[in-house]
Protein backbone atom coordinates (compact mmCIF):
# COMPACT_ATOMS: atom_id res chain seq x y z
CA MET A 1 84.39 180.72 102.50
CA PHE A 2 82.17 179.60 105.85
CA ASP A 3 79.76 182.01 107.14
CA ASP A 4 78.76 181.27 110.81
CA VAL A 5 75.46 179.55 109.54
CA ASN A 6 77.25 176.83 107.33
CA MET A 7 79.72 176.71 110.07
CA VAL A 8 77.35 175.19 112.63
CA ARG A 9 75.40 173.13 109.97
CA TRP A 10 78.80 171.36 109.74
CA MET A 11 79.39 170.71 113.13
CA LEU A 12 76.35 169.66 113.45
CA GLY A 13 76.48 167.10 110.84
CA VAL A 14 79.99 166.06 112.06
CA LEU A 15 78.58 165.32 115.45
CA SER A 16 75.33 163.73 113.86
CA LEU A 17 77.81 161.32 112.46
CA ILE A 18 80.28 160.58 115.10
CA LEU A 19 77.22 159.92 117.43
CA MET A 20 75.40 157.29 115.03
CA PHE A 21 78.92 155.58 114.46
CA GLY A 22 78.92 155.37 118.63
CA GLY A 23 75.29 154.11 118.64
CA LEU A 24 76.04 151.17 116.38
CA ILE A 25 79.29 149.76 117.83
CA LEU A 26 77.40 150.17 121.45
CA VAL A 27 74.33 148.11 119.70
CA LEU A 28 76.71 145.45 117.94
CA ARG A 29 78.79 145.30 121.23
CA ARG A 30 75.64 144.26 123.39
CA LEU A 31 74.63 141.85 120.90
CA GLN A 32 77.78 140.50 121.02
CA GLU A 33 78.06 140.00 124.74
CA ASN A 34 74.42 138.60 124.88
CA GLY A 35 75.59 135.81 122.17
CA GLN A 36 73.33 137.03 119.47
CA PHE A 37 76.07 138.55 117.13
CA THR A 38 78.49 135.98 115.91
CA GLY A 39 79.75 137.85 112.77
CA THR A 40 78.69 135.22 110.87
CA PHE A 41 75.20 134.19 109.22
CA LYS A 42 73.78 131.64 111.39
CA GLY A 43 72.47 129.81 108.28
CA LEU A 44 75.93 128.90 106.83
CA ARG A 45 77.15 127.87 110.22
CA PRO A 46 75.36 124.32 112.01
CA GLN A 47 75.30 125.00 115.70
CA GLY A 48 78.13 123.96 117.77
CA ARG A 49 78.37 121.47 120.50
CA LEU A 50 81.95 121.72 121.45
CA GLN A 51 82.28 123.52 124.96
CA VAL A 52 85.58 124.18 126.76
CA THR A 53 84.56 123.40 130.39
CA GLU A 54 87.99 124.25 131.93
CA THR A 55 91.49 124.90 131.36
CA LEU A 56 94.59 124.94 133.20
CA GLN A 57 97.92 126.76 131.92
CA VAL A 58 100.58 124.21 133.23
CA ASP A 59 103.68 126.02 132.04
CA SER A 60 104.69 129.05 129.70
CA ARG A 61 104.01 126.59 126.78
CA ARG A 62 101.48 124.43 127.19
CA LYS A 63 97.86 124.70 128.57
CA LEU A 64 95.47 121.47 129.89
CA ILE A 65 92.07 121.92 128.50
CA ILE A 66 88.94 120.03 128.94
CA VAL A 67 86.35 120.13 126.12
CA GLU A 68 82.75 118.10 125.85
CA ASP A 69 81.11 117.45 122.71
CA GLY A 70 77.94 116.76 123.69
CA THR A 71 78.50 112.98 124.33
CA GLU A 72 82.31 112.98 125.82
CA GLU A 73 84.76 114.62 127.58
CA HIS A 74 88.49 115.27 126.42
CA VAL A 75 91.22 116.11 128.17
CA ILE A 76 93.96 117.93 125.26
CA LEU A 77 97.30 119.04 125.94
CA LEU A 78 98.21 121.95 123.92
CA GLY A 79 101.62 123.09 123.14
CA THR A 80 103.08 125.58 121.03
CA THR A 81 104.28 123.09 118.31
CA GLN A 82 101.35 120.21 119.02
CA GLU A 83 98.68 119.10 120.64
CA LEU A 84 97.82 115.83 122.46
CA LEU A 85 95.06 113.86 123.38
CA VAL A 86 95.79 112.61 127.19
CA SER A 87 91.88 111.06 127.56
CA SER A 88 88.58 110.39 126.83
CA ARG A 89 85.72 109.51 128.40
CA PRO A 90 81.74 109.50 128.39
CA VAL A 91 79.73 113.06 129.55
CA GLY A 92 79.03 112.04 133.41
CA GLN A 93 81.25 109.25 134.25
CA LYS A 94 83.65 110.08 136.99
CA ALA A 95 87.08 110.14 136.48
CA ALA A 96 89.05 107.16 137.53
CA SER A 97 90.57 107.89 141.04
CA PRO A 98 94.61 106.93 141.02
CA LYS A 99 94.79 103.30 143.35
CA THR A 100 97.19 104.15 146.20
CA THR A 101 98.86 101.68 148.09
CA PRO A 102 100.04 101.94 151.71
CA ALA A 103 103.79 102.89 152.22
CA LYS A 104 105.62 100.05 153.66
CA LYS A 105 107.06 99.75 156.62
CA THR A 106 111.05 99.82 156.21
CA THR A 107 112.87 98.11 159.28
CA LYS A 108 116.54 98.42 159.54
CA PRO A 109 118.25 95.03 159.35
CA LYS A 110 119.54 94.07 162.57
CA ALA A 111 123.40 94.45 163.25
CA LYS A 112 124.62 90.45 163.49
CA LYS A 113 127.15 90.09 166.76
CA ALA A 114 130.36 89.11 165.96
CA SER A 115 131.45 86.01 167.48
């Protein structure tokens, strides 16, 4: 079937194929980490402006995210069945701080003396 020379050639061929595929996978991963390889042709997809700036897991079903689209910042509540736009504002504008009022002092009513 195989003599010693053919067996060595076959093993070297298989080993070289494995090394080539492994090298290709490493190169593609490196390009993907650097953002150079997105898996699509760049000419077919316009440059994106959306950017998720912050996420917060509210509970096991809902997540609150902040998305910037270049000019505005949107706070979105993501659920399992629906999404809700909580607020929007121009980028760079400070968030409105909630107005707090000092707590009212409560006094106990004075007991009336029986006459």
